[in-house]
Amino acid sequence: MGISELSMTLEDLTRRCPQASDPRVRAVLTNLLPHARELFRNHSDTATAHFLRIGNSLTRLRGAANAAIRLALLHDSCHHLWLTGSTAASVSLAESGLELAKRSGRQVD
């Protein structure tokens, strides 16, 4: 699966099952992270749409499970959105990331 399919799968999954501890969520997040990192390094015309979808999906998740992967994806999403001028979306996702870091006890993130 590519980033497009993975980001849509994450979006669909978080709408149906917003629990971060769901094993299906971890599987999608684990597969999505390397694709998102690659997309961040090699921007495409659709990168902003993918990062918005990923970020919005991550904000729907409840609980602190899989916090490290979620924070890494939120970081990449925020960073891309900030660099492309989507400041409001970037700040909103950053706030969600800070809340997740506090809940998970990962103050350094």
Protein backbone atom coordinates (compact mmCIF):
# COMPACT_ATOMS: atom_id res chain seq x y z
CA MET A 1 0.00 0.00 0.00
CA GLY A 2 1.11 3.53 -0.72
CA ILE A 3 0.61 6.63 1.35
CA SER A 4 -2.68 7.46 -0.35
CA GLU A 5 -4.26 4.13 0.52
CA LEU A 6 -2.75 4.08 4.01
CA SER A 7 -3.92 7.61 4.85
CA MET A 8 -7.44 6.79 3.62
CA THR A 9 -7.41 3.54 5.60
CA LEU A 10 -6.36 5.44 8.73
CA GLU A 11 -9.08 8.02 8.16
CA ASP A 12 -11.75 5.34 7.73
CA LEU A 13 -10.49 3.34 10.70
CA THR A 14 -10.40 6.32 13.08
CA ARG A 15 -13.96 7.23 12.10
CA ARG A 16 -15.19 3.70 12.85
CA CYS A 17 -12.95 2.87 15.81
CA PRO A 18 -11.31 5.85 17.52
CA GLN A 19 -9.43 3.76 20.10
CA ALA A 20 -5.66 4.15 19.74
CA SER A 21 -5.15 0.75 21.37
CA ASP A 22 -6.91 -1.10 18.53
CA PRO A 23 -4.38 -3.46 16.90
CA ARG A 24 -5.54 -2.39 13.43
CA VAL A 25 -4.61 1.20 14.27
CA ARG A 26 -1.08 0.17 15.25
CA ALA A 27 -0.68 -1.83 12.05
CA VAL A 28 -1.72 1.12 9.87
CA LEU A 29 0.41 3.60 11.83
CA THR A 30 3.47 1.36 11.61
CA ASN A 31 3.07 0.99 7.85
CA LEU A 32 2.28 4.67 7.36
CA LEU A 33 5.29 6.16 9.19
CA PRO A 34 8.01 5.34 6.61
CA HIS A 35 5.76 6.53 3.78
CA ALA A 36 5.08 9.82 5.57
CA ARG A 37 8.79 10.32 6.24
CA GLU A 38 9.54 9.75 2.57
CA LEU A 39 6.77 12.12 1.51
CA PHE A 40 8.15 14.79 3.85
CA ARG A 41 11.61 14.49 2.30
CA ASN A 42 10.32 14.38 -1.28
CA HIS A 43 7.32 16.70 -1.50
CA SER A 44 4.66 16.07 -4.09
CA ASP A 45 1.63 18.00 -5.25
CA THR A 46 -0.58 15.90 -3.00
CA ALA A 47 1.60 16.00 0.12
CA THR A 48 -0.44 18.68 1.90
CA ALA A 49 -3.68 16.76 1.40
CA HIS A 50 -2.07 13.57 2.73
CA PHE A 51 -0.61 15.30 5.79
CA LEU A 52 -3.92 17.01 6.55
CA ARG A 53 -5.75 13.68 6.32
CA ILE A 54 -3.15 11.96 8.52
CA GLY A 55 -3.16 14.74 11.11
CA ASN A 56 -6.93 14.96 11.31
CA SER A 57 -7.19 11.19 11.63
CA LEU A 58 -4.65 11.17 14.45
CA THR A 59 -6.59 13.81 16.39
CA ARG A 60 -9.65 11.53 16.41
CA LEU A 61 -7.80 8.76 18.25
CA ARG A 62 -8.58 8.34 21.94
CA GLY A 63 -6.12 7.18 24.57
CA ALA A 64 -2.34 7.24 24.78
CA ALA A 65 -1.56 3.94 23.04
CA ASN A 66 1.00 4.03 20.24
CA ALA A 67 2.01 7.51 21.36
CA ALA A 68 5.53 7.41 19.91
CA ILE A 69 4.34 6.58 16.39
CA ARG A 70 1.43 9.03 16.62
CA LEU A 71 3.75 11.82 17.81
CA ALA A 72 6.22 11.12 15.00
CA LEU A 73 3.43 11.34 12.42
CA LEU A 74 2.00 14.47 14.03
CA HIS A 75 5.45 16.04 13.97
CA ASP A 76 5.92 15.36 10.28
CA SER A 77 2.40 16.59 9.51
CA CYS A 78 2.87 19.79 11.53
CA HIS A 79 6.27 20.46 10.03
CA HIS A 80 5.05 20.03 6.46
CA LEU A 81 1.93 22.12 7.01
CA TRP A 82 3.96 24.89 8.65
CA LEU A 83 6.45 24.98 5.79
CA THR A 84 3.67 25.13 3.19
CA GLY A 85 1.85 28.00 4.90
CA SER A 86 -1.01 26.06 6.50
CA THR A 87 -0.26 27.70 9.83
CA ALA A 88 -3.66 27.25 11.50
CA ALA A 89 -3.78 23.54 10.70
CA SER A 90 -0.18 23.12 11.85
CA VAL A 91 -0.82 24.83 15.19
CA SER A 92 -3.97 22.80 15.77
CA LEU A 93 -2.11 19.54 15.20
CA ALA A 94 0.78 20.72 17.37
CA GLU A 95 -1.64 21.35 20.23
CA SER A 96 -3.00 17.83 19.83
CA GLY A 97 0.55 16.51 19.87
CA LEU A 98 1.33 18.37 23.09
CA GLU A 99 -1.77 16.93 24.75
CA LEU A 100 -0.82 13.43 23.64
CA ALA A 101 2.73 13.88 24.91
CA LYS A 102 1.41 15.01 28.29
CA ARG A 103 -1.06 12.11 28.53
CA SER A 104 1.57 9.55 27.57
CA GLY A 105 4.20 10.95 29.90
CA ARG A 106 6.56 11.77 27.02
CA GLN A 107 7.39 15.32 28.07
CA VAL A 108 10.48 15.46 25.84
CA ASP A 109 8.32 15.03 22.71
